[in-house]
Amino acid sequence: MATLMEELLSLQARDRSIREIRSALRAIPAREEALKAAIAVQSASLAAAEERGKAAGKARAEAEGKVDGLRARAAKLKAAQASTKSNDDYRALAKEIANLESLALQAEDAVLSAMEEEERAAAANAECAAALEKEKAYATEELARITRSLEPKRTILEAELAERAAAARAIPADALARYERISKKYPADAIALVESKTGSCGGCHMKLTPSDLVEARKLDTLSACGYCGRLLHAAR
């Protein structure tokens, strides 16, 4: 038959298991949100690349339109120049034609720059699209894994809680109440193992008195550390 301390140690081990399962279950929603956030970041990057491409395409179209307009104006002036009989008018038209052709060359440079930006945007778009699909595939796989793990964890938790309740019923009420009161302060180790080499409390690591060490070796009575209040257990 198990001693009081053995029953409490068993209860503490079960409580640790319950806390771990609950912690894992609490982490799942945060993990799901993190996966959604990662997809949102990649989606935003793709949208930015698409907007960059659209802006470059618009700039190219505007530059091409400007080139066409300047070339058309220059062609009209050339036609007028061919029919003029005044040297002054001829020279004035020649100057305006040269200015229009210079502006057209500048506009053509803008067309080339816009085309290069379109190419860079297209490359970024393809890269972001691939990254987004990869992130989505990973999220789908990870969410499926999380979903598969949920039910077993809940089943195990229910079983642990039921067994914990049964184990608690076998422990004297005063001892159980004392353990649970200390557990609220020290969830991980309400019962501390005495450090055999130093004779110290395994929780706060303070040196125990000789009488505390003697009491800690008794399995059917409860003793506590005079410093931190944890229940003491000494390995035999």
C-alpha atoms as a PDB file:
ATOM      1  CA  MET A   1       0.000   0.000   0.000  1.00  0.00           C
ATOM      2  CA  ALA A   2       1.312   3.416  -0.973  1.00  0.00           C
ATOM      3  CA  THR A   3       2.418   5.792   1.767  1.00  0.00           C
ATOM      4  CA  LEU A   4       1.009   9.320   2.105  1.00  0.00           C
ATOM      5  CA  MET A   5       4.113  10.868   0.546  1.00  0.00           C
ATOM      6  CA  GLU A   6       4.093   8.382  -2.329  1.00  0.00           C
ATOM      7  CA  GLU A   7       0.459   9.241  -3.028  1.00  0.00           C
ATOM      8  CA  LEU A   8       1.231  12.968  -2.988  1.00  0.00           C
ATOM      9  CA  LEU A   9       4.253  12.511  -5.229  1.00  0.00           C
ATOM     10  CA  SER A  10       2.103  10.556  -7.660  1.00  0.00           C
ATOM     11  CA  LEU A  11      -0.489  13.321  -7.535  1.00  0.00           C
ATOM     12  CA  GLN A  12       2.184  15.945  -8.195  1.00  0.00           C
ATOM     13  CA  ALA A  13       3.449  14.005 -11.225  1.00  0.00           C
ATOM     14  CA  ARG A  14      -0.097  13.817 -12.577  1.00  0.00           C
ATOM     15  CA  ASP A  15      -0.593  17.529 -11.965  1.00  0.00           C
ATOM     16  CA  ARG A  16       2.559  18.244 -13.950  1.00  0.00           C
ATOM     17  CA  SER A  17       1.252  16.136 -16.827  1.00  0.00           C
ATOM     18  CA  ILE A  18      -2.084  17.966 -16.744  1.00  0.00           C
ATOM     19  CA  ARG A  19      -0.340  21.358 -16.794  1.00  0.00           C
ATOM     20  CA  GLU A  20       1.815  20.314 -19.760  1.00  0.00           C
ATOM     21  CA  ILE A  21      -1.201  19.149 -21.761  1.00  0.00           C
ATOM     22  CA  ARG A  22      -3.146  22.299 -20.942  1.00  0.00           C
ATOM     23  CA  SER A  23      -0.151  24.432 -21.887  1.00  0.00           C
ATOM     24  CA  ALA A  24       0.089  22.627 -25.230  1.00  0.00           C
ATOM     25  CA  LEU A  25      -3.618  23.154 -25.878  1.00  0.00           C
ATOM     26  CA  ARG A  26      -3.351  26.859 -24.992  1.00  0.00           C
ATOM     27  CA  ALA A  27      -0.463  27.251 -27.431  1.00  0.00           C
ATOM     28  CA  ILE A  28      -2.485  25.960 -30.391  1.00  0.00           C
ATOM     29  CA  PRO A  29      -4.550  29.130 -31.065  1.00  0.00           C
ATOM     30  CA  ALA A  30      -1.380  31.229 -30.921  1.00  0.00           C
ATOM     31  CA  ARG A  31       0.297  28.865 -33.387  1.00  0.00           C
ATOM     32  CA  GLU A  32      -2.683  29.119 -35.729  1.00  0.00           C
ATOM     33  CA  GLU A  33      -2.549  32.932 -35.548  1.00  0.00           C
ATOM     34  CA  ALA A  34       1.189  32.867 -36.269  1.00  0.00           C
ATOM     35  CA  LEU A  35       0.587  30.775 -39.395  1.00  0.00           C
ATOM     36  CA  LYS A  36      -2.126  33.171 -40.569  1.00  0.00           C
ATOM     37  CA  ALA A  37       0.152  36.140 -39.886  1.00  0.00           C
ATOM     38  CA  ALA A  38       2.954  34.574 -41.963  1.00  0.00           C
ATOM     39  CA  ILE A  39       0.540  34.116 -44.871  1.00  0.00           C
ATOM     40  CA  ALA A  40      -0.625  37.724 -44.482  1.00  0.00           C
ATOM     41  CA  VAL A  41       2.981  38.962 -44.677  1.00  0.00           C
ATOM     42  CA  GLN A  42       3.614  37.009 -47.878  1.00  0.00           C
ATOM     43  CA  SER A  43       0.284  38.177 -49.316  1.00  0.00           C
ATOM     44  CA  ALA A  44       1.242  41.787 -48.585  1.00  0.00           C
ATOM     45  CA  SER A  45       4.623  41.282 -50.284  1.00  0.00           C
ATOM     46  CA  LEU A  46       2.890  39.852 -53.357  1.00  0.00           C
ATOM     47  CA  ALA A  47       0.399  42.731 -53.430  1.00  0.00           C
ATOM     48  CA  ALA A  48       3.262  45.239 -53.198  1.00  0.00           C
ATOM     49  CA  ALA A  49       5.070  43.533 -56.088  1.00  0.00           C
ATOM     50  CA  GLU A  50       1.889  43.591 -58.162  1.00  0.00           C
ATOM     51  CA  GLU A  51       1.379  47.301 -57.450  1.00  0.00           C
ATOM     52  CA  ARG A  52       4.999  47.966 -58.367  1.00  0.00           C
ATOM     53  CA  GLY A  53       4.450  46.214 -61.682  1.00  0.00           C
ATOM     54  CA  LYS A  54       1.261  48.164 -62.361  1.00  0.00           C
ATOM     55  CA  ALA A  55       2.997  51.459 -61.581  1.00  0.00           C
ATOM     56  CA  ALA A  56       5.879  50.568 -63.894  1.00  0.00           C
ATOM     57  CA  GLY A  57       3.446  49.579 -66.655  1.00  0.00           C
ATOM     58  CA  LYS A  58       1.575  52.846 -66.271  1.00  0.00           C
ATOM     59  CA  ALA A  59       4.836  54.821 -66.362  1.00  0.00           C
ATOM     60  CA  ARG A  60       5.909  52.958 -69.511  1.00  0.00           C
ATOM     61  CA  ALA A  61       2.583  53.601 -71.239  1.00  0.00           C
ATOM     62  CA  GLU A  62       2.730  57.294 -70.357  1.00  0.00           C
ATOM     63  CA  ALA A  63       6.321  57.552 -71.593  1.00  0.00           C
ATOM     64  CA  GLU A  64       5.425  55.739 -74.834  1.00  0.00           C
ATOM     65  CA  GLY A  65       2.487  58.084 -75.321  1.00  0.00           C
ATOM     66  CA  LYS A  66       4.784  61.053 -74.775  1.00  0.00           C
ATOM     67  CA  VAL A  67       7.270  59.703 -77.330  1.00  0.00           C
ATOM     68  CA  ASP A  68       4.495  59.215 -79.899  1.00  0.00           C
ATOM     69  CA  GLY A  69       3.158  62.709 -79.241  1.00  0.00           C
ATOM     70  CA  LEU A  70       6.585  64.339 -79.590  1.00  0.00           C
ATOM     71  CA  ARG A  71       7.404  62.362 -82.722  1.00  0.00           C
ATOM     72  CA  ALA A  72       4.036  63.319 -84.254  1.00  0.00           C
ATOM     73  CA  ARG A  73       4.598  67.012 -83.506  1.00  0.00           C
ATOM     74  CA  ALA A  74       8.117  66.824 -84.950  1.00  0.00           C
ATOM     75  CA  ALA A  75       6.765  65.136 -88.115  1.00  0.00           C
ATOM     76  CA  LYS A  76       4.203  67.928 -88.593  1.00  0.00           C
ATOM     77  CA  LEU A  77       6.894  70.573 -88.162  1.00  0.00           C
ATOM     78  CA  LYS A  78       9.111  68.764 -90.664  1.00  0.00           C
ATOM     79  CA  ALA A  79       6.274  68.832 -93.174  1.00  0.00           C
ATOM     80  CA  ALA A  80       5.765  72.555 -92.537  1.00  0.00           C
ATOM     81  CA  GLN A  81       9.515  73.111 -92.806  1.00  0.00           C
ATOM     82  CA  ALA A  82       9.610  71.470 -96.235  1.00  0.00           C
ATOM     83  CA  SER A  83       7.060  73.913 -97.621  1.00  0.00           C
ATOM     84  CA  THR A  84       8.308  77.122 -95.991  1.00  0.00           C
ATOM     85  CA  LYS A  85       9.994  79.731 -98.164  1.00  0.00           C
ATOM     86  CA  SER A  86      11.387  81.888 -95.368  1.00  0.00           C
ATOM     87  CA  ASN A  87      14.881  81.171 -94.098  1.00  0.00           C
ATOM     88  CA  ASP A  88      13.952  82.570 -90.687  1.00  0.00           C
ATOM     89  CA  ASP A  89      10.906  80.335 -90.497  1.00  0.00           C
ATOM     90  CA  TYR A  90      12.993  77.367 -91.651  1.00  0.00           C
ATOM     91  CA  ARG A  91      15.593  77.949 -88.951  1.00  0.00           C
ATOM     92  CA  ALA A  92      12.903  78.457 -86.282  1.00  0.00           C
ATOM     93  CA  LEU A  93      11.205  75.241 -87.292  1.00  0.00           C
ATOM     94  CA  ALA A  94      14.522  73.385 -87.333  1.00  0.00           C
ATOM     95  CA  LYS A  95      15.232  74.546 -83.792  1.00  0.00           C
ATOM     96  CA  GLU A  96      11.790  73.424 -82.580  1.00  0.00           C
ATOM     97  CA  ILE A  97      12.150  70.076 -84.349  1.00  0.00           C
ATOM     98  CA  ALA A  98      15.548  69.506 -82.700  1.00  0.00           C
ATOM     99  CA  ASN A  99      14.025  70.350 -79.296  1.00  0.00           C
ATOM    100  CA  LEU A 100      11.142  67.918 -79.851  1.00  0.00           C
ATOM    101  CA  GLU A 101      13.490  65.148 -80.935  1.00  0.00           C
ATOM    102  CA  SER A 102      15.658  65.729 -77.850  1.00  0.00           C
ATOM    103  CA  LEU A 103      12.571  65.485 -75.634  1.00  0.00           C
ATOM    104  CA  ALA A 104      11.524  62.336 -77.518  1.00  0.00           C
ATOM    105  CA  LEU A 105      14.914  60.738 -76.805  1.00  0.00           C
ATOM    106  CA  GLN A 106      14.527  61.563 -73.114  1.00  0.00           C
ATOM    107  CA  ALA A 107      11.041  60.042 -73.167  1.00  0.00           C
ATOM    108  CA  GLU A 108      12.435  56.917 -74.849  1.00  0.00           C
ATOM    109  CA  ASP A 109      14.968  56.612 -72.005  1.00  0.00           C
ATOM    110  CA  ALA A 110      12.043  56.808 -69.600  1.00  0.00           C
ATOM    111  CA  VAL A 111      10.332  54.023 -71.565  1.00  0.00           C
ATOM    112  CA  LEU A 112      13.423  51.824 -71.218  1.00  0.00           C
ATOM    113  CA  SER A 113      13.696  52.576 -67.481  1.00  0.00           C
ATOM    114  CA  ALA A 114      10.026  51.722 -67.002  1.00  0.00           C
ATOM    115  CA  MET A 115      10.452  48.479 -68.944  1.00  0.00           C
ATOM    116  CA  GLU A 116      13.408  47.512 -66.750  1.00  0.00           C
ATOM    117  CA  GLU A 117      11.335  48.281 -63.649  1.00  0.00           C
ATOM    118  CA  GLU A 118       8.518  46.142 -65.059  1.00  0.00           C
ATOM    119  CA  GLU A 119      10.964  43.248 -65.468  1.00  0.00           C
ATOM    120  CA  ARG A 120      12.220  43.627 -61.901  1.00  0.00           C
ATOM    121  CA  ALA A 121       8.653  43.832 -60.631  1.00  0.00           C
ATOM    122  CA  ALA A 122       7.697  40.721 -62.617  1.00  0.00           C
ATOM    123  CA  ALA A 123      10.626  38.816 -61.091  1.00  0.00           C
ATOM    124  CA  ALA A 124       9.661  39.992 -57.600  1.00  0.00           C
ATOM    125  CA  ASN A 125       6.048  39.069 -58.321  1.00  0.00           C
ATOM    126  CA  ALA A 126       7.006  35.536 -59.307  1.00  0.00           C
ATOM    127  CA  GLU A 127       9.244  35.167 -56.257  1.00  0.00           C
ATOM    128  CA  CYS A 128       6.555  36.458 -53.890  1.00  0.00           C
ATOM    129  CA  ALA A 129       3.887  34.274 -55.498  1.00  0.00           C
ATOM    130  CA  ALA A 130       6.086  31.192 -55.046  1.00  0.00           C
ATOM    131  CA  ALA A 131       6.826  32.160 -51.430  1.00  0.00           C
ATOM    132  CA  LEU A 132       3.120  32.656 -50.750  1.00  0.00           C
ATOM    133  CA  GLU A 133       2.219  29.253 -52.167  1.00  0.00           C
ATOM    134  CA  LYS A 134       4.981  27.666 -50.099  1.00  0.00           C
ATOM    135  CA  GLU A 135       3.718  29.420 -46.950  1.00  0.00           C
ATOM    136  CA  LYS A 136       0.143  28.346 -47.670  1.00  0.00           C
ATOM    137  CA  ALA A 137       1.205  24.735 -48.224  1.00  0.00           C
ATOM    138  CA  TYR A 138       3.181  24.741 -44.978  1.00  0.00           C
ATOM    139  CA  ALA A 139       0.280  26.319 -43.068  1.00  0.00           C
ATOM    140  CA  THR A 140      -2.164  23.764 -44.479  1.00  0.00           C
ATOM    141  CA  GLU A 141       0.112  20.903 -43.435  1.00  0.00           C
ATOM    142  CA  GLU A 142       0.783  22.396 -40.008  1.00  0.00           C
ATOM    143  CA  LEU A 143      -2.893  23.115 -39.316  1.00  0.00           C
ATOM    144  CA  ALA A 144      -3.768  19.563 -40.319  1.00  0.00           C
ATOM    145  CA  ARG A 145      -1.112  18.268 -37.927  1.00  0.00           C
ATOM    146  CA  ILE A 146      -2.463  20.493 -35.144  1.00  0.00           C
ATOM    147  CA  THR A 147      -5.997  19.304 -35.802  1.00  0.00           C
ATOM    148  CA  ARG A 148      -4.868  15.665 -35.674  1.00  0.00           C
ATOM    149  CA  SER A 149      -3.133  16.266 -32.358  1.00  0.00           C
ATOM    150  CA  LEU A 150      -6.046  18.053 -30.695  1.00  0.00           C
ATOM    151  CA  GLU A 151      -8.395  15.163 -30.045  1.00  0.00           C
ATOM    152  CA  PRO A 152      -5.779  12.818 -28.551  1.00  0.00           C
ATOM    153  CA  LYS A 153      -4.568  15.602 -26.257  1.00  0.00           C
ATOM    154  CA  ARG A 154      -8.111  16.334 -25.096  1.00  0.00           C
ATOM    155  CA  THR A 155      -8.755  12.627 -24.570  1.00  0.00           C
ATOM    156  CA  ILE A 156      -5.556  12.257 -22.552  1.00  0.00           C
ATOM    157  CA  LEU A 157      -6.416  15.361 -20.534  1.00  0.00           C
ATOM    158  CA  GLU A 158      -9.866  14.006 -19.683  1.00  0.00           C
ATOM    159  CA  ALA A 159      -8.332  10.699 -18.587  1.00  0.00           C
ATOM    160  CA  GLU A 160      -5.666  12.451 -16.526  1.00  0.00           C
ATOM    161  CA  LEU A 161      -8.270  14.640 -14.807  1.00  0.00           C
ATOM    162  CA  ALA A 162     -10.425  11.615 -14.006  1.00  0.00           C
ATOM    163  CA  GLU A 163      -7.471   9.673 -12.617  1.00  0.00           C
ATOM    164  CA  ARG A 164      -6.304  12.733 -10.709  1.00  0.00           C
ATOM    165  CA  ALA A 165      -9.721  13.068  -9.077  1.00  0.00           C
ATOM    166  CA  ALA A 166      -9.667   9.391  -8.109  1.00  0.00           C
ATOM    167  CA  ALA A 167      -6.154   9.688  -6.697  1.00  0.00           C
ATOM    168  CA  ALA A 168      -7.082  12.817  -4.746  1.00  0.00           C
ATOM    169  CA  ARG A 169     -10.005  11.010  -3.102  1.00  0.00           C
ATOM    170  CA  ALA A 170      -7.598   8.473  -1.630  1.00  0.00           C
ATOM    171  CA  ILE A 171      -5.573  11.164   0.154  1.00  0.00           C
ATOM    172  CA  PRO A 172      -6.666  12.476   3.564  1.00  0.00           C
ATOM    173  CA  ALA A 173      -8.513  15.771   3.192  1.00  0.00           C
ATOM    174  CA  ASP A 174      -6.166  17.788   5.390  1.00  0.00           C
ATOM    175  CA  ALA A 175      -3.050  16.529   3.564  1.00  0.00           C
ATOM    176  CA  LEU A 176      -4.666  17.149   0.179  1.00  0.00           C
ATOM    177  CA  ALA A 177      -5.718  20.656   1.164  1.00  0.00           C
ATOM    178  CA  ARG A 178      -2.213  21.428   2.384  1.00  0.00           C
ATOM    179  CA  TYR A 179      -0.640  20.119  -0.831  1.00  0.00           C
ATOM    180  CA  GLU A 180      -3.055  22.054  -3.052  1.00  0.00           C
ATOM    181  CA  ARG A 181      -2.537  25.257  -1.072  1.00  0.00           C
ATOM    182  CA  ILE A 182       1.231  24.999  -1.566  1.00  0.00           C
ATOM    183  CA  SER A 183       0.739  24.041  -5.221  1.00  0.00           C
ATOM    184  CA  LYS A 184      -0.903  27.394  -5.896  1.00  0.00           C
ATOM    185  CA  LYS A 185       2.358  29.085  -4.928  1.00  0.00           C
ATOM    186  CA  TYR A 186       4.695  26.465  -6.389  1.00  0.00           C
ATOM    187  CA  PRO A 187       2.835  24.719  -9.248  1.00  0.00           C
ATOM    188  CA  ALA A 188       5.870  22.810 -10.495  1.00  0.00           C
ATOM    189  CA  ASP A 189       7.227  21.546  -7.194  1.00  0.00           C
ATOM    190  CA  ALA A 190       4.972  21.812  -4.176  1.00  0.00           C
ATOM    191  CA  ILE A 191       6.922  18.779  -2.964  1.00  0.00           C
ATOM    192  CA  ALA A 192      10.683  19.346  -3.079  1.00  0.00           C
ATOM    193  CA  LEU A 193      13.239  16.571  -2.982  1.00  0.00           C
ATOM    194  CA  VAL A 194      15.875  17.055  -0.306  1.00  0.00           C
ATOM    195  CA  GLU A 195      19.332  17.451  -1.872  1.00  0.00           C
ATOM    196  CA  SER A 196      21.181  14.513  -0.331  1.00  0.00           C
ATOM    197  CA  LYS A 197      24.721  15.908  -0.672  1.00  0.00           C
ATOM    198  CA  THR A 198      23.994  19.314   0.834  1.00  0.00           C
ATOM    199  CA  GLY A 199      20.977  18.582   3.003  1.00  0.00           C
ATOM    200  CA  SER A 200      19.193  21.487   1.324  1.00  0.00           C
ATOM    201  CA  CYS A 201      15.639  22.018   0.115  1.00  0.00           C
ATOM    202  CA  GLY A 202      15.389  21.091  -3.556  1.00  0.00           C
ATOM    203  CA  GLY A 203      13.059  24.021  -4.121  1.00  0.00           C
ATOM    204  CA  CYS A 204      14.731  27.042  -2.492  1.00  0.00           C
ATOM    205  CA  HIS A 205      18.137  25.344  -1.934  1.00  0.00           C
ATOM    206  CA  MET A 206      18.378  26.574   1.649  1.00  0.00           C
ATOM    207  CA  LYS A 207      20.191  24.391   4.188  1.00  0.00           C
ATOM    208  CA  LEU A 208      17.729  22.346   6.267  1.00  0.00           C
ATOM    209  CA  THR A 209      17.994  21.730   9.978  1.00  0.00           C
ATOM    210  CA  PRO A 210      18.803  18.206  11.217  1.00  0.00           C
ATOM    211  CA  SER A 211      15.277  17.854  12.552  1.00  0.00           C
ATOM    212  CA  ASP A 212      13.839  18.873   9.154  1.00  0.00           C
ATOM    213  CA  LEU A 213      15.934  16.165   7.528  1.00  0.00           C
ATOM    214  CA  VAL A 214      14.658  13.564   9.943  1.00  0.00           C
ATOM    215  CA  GLU A 215      11.036  14.584   9.359  1.00  0.00           C
ATOM    216  CA  ALA A 216      11.525  14.628   5.582  1.00  0.00           C
ATOM    217  CA  ARG A 217      12.419  10.926   5.646  1.00  0.00           C
ATOM    218  CA  LYS A 218       9.064   9.993   7.154  1.00  0.00           C
ATOM    219  CA  LEU A 219       6.665   8.856   4.438  1.00  0.00           C
ATOM    220  CA  ASP A 220       3.425   8.954   6.434  1.00  0.00           C
ATOM    221  CA  THR A 221       3.734  12.463   7.839  1.00  0.00           C
ATOM    222  CA  LEU A 222       4.247  15.773   6.095  1.00  0.00           C
ATOM    223  CA  SER A 223       7.083  18.161   6.822  1.00  0.00           C
ATOM    224  CA  ALA A 224       7.779  21.487   5.197  1.00  0.00           C
ATOM    225  CA  CYS A 225      10.799  23.654   4.471  1.00  0.00           C
ATOM    226  CA  GLY A 226      11.044  26.413   7.050  1.00  0.00           C
ATOM    227  CA  TYR A 227      12.167  28.863   4.370  1.00  0.00           C
ATOM    228  CA  CYS A 228       9.909  28.396   1.343  1.00  0.00           C
ATOM    229  CA  GLY A 229       7.107  26.270   2.816  1.00  0.00           C
ATOM    230  CA  ARG A 230       7.362  23.451   0.271  1.00  0.00           C
ATOM    231  CA  LEU A 231       6.635  19.942   1.443  1.00  0.00           C
ATOM    232  CA  LEU A 232       9.835  17.945   1.831  1.00  0.00           C
ATOM    233  CA  HIS A 233      10.646  14.473   0.580  1.00  0.00           C
ATOM    234  CA  ALA A 234      13.946  12.697   1.141  1.00  0.00           C
ATOM    235  CA  ALA A 235      14.950   9.800  -1.050  1.00  0.00           C
ATOM    236  CA  ARG A 236      15.569   6.625   0.932  1.00  0.00           C
END
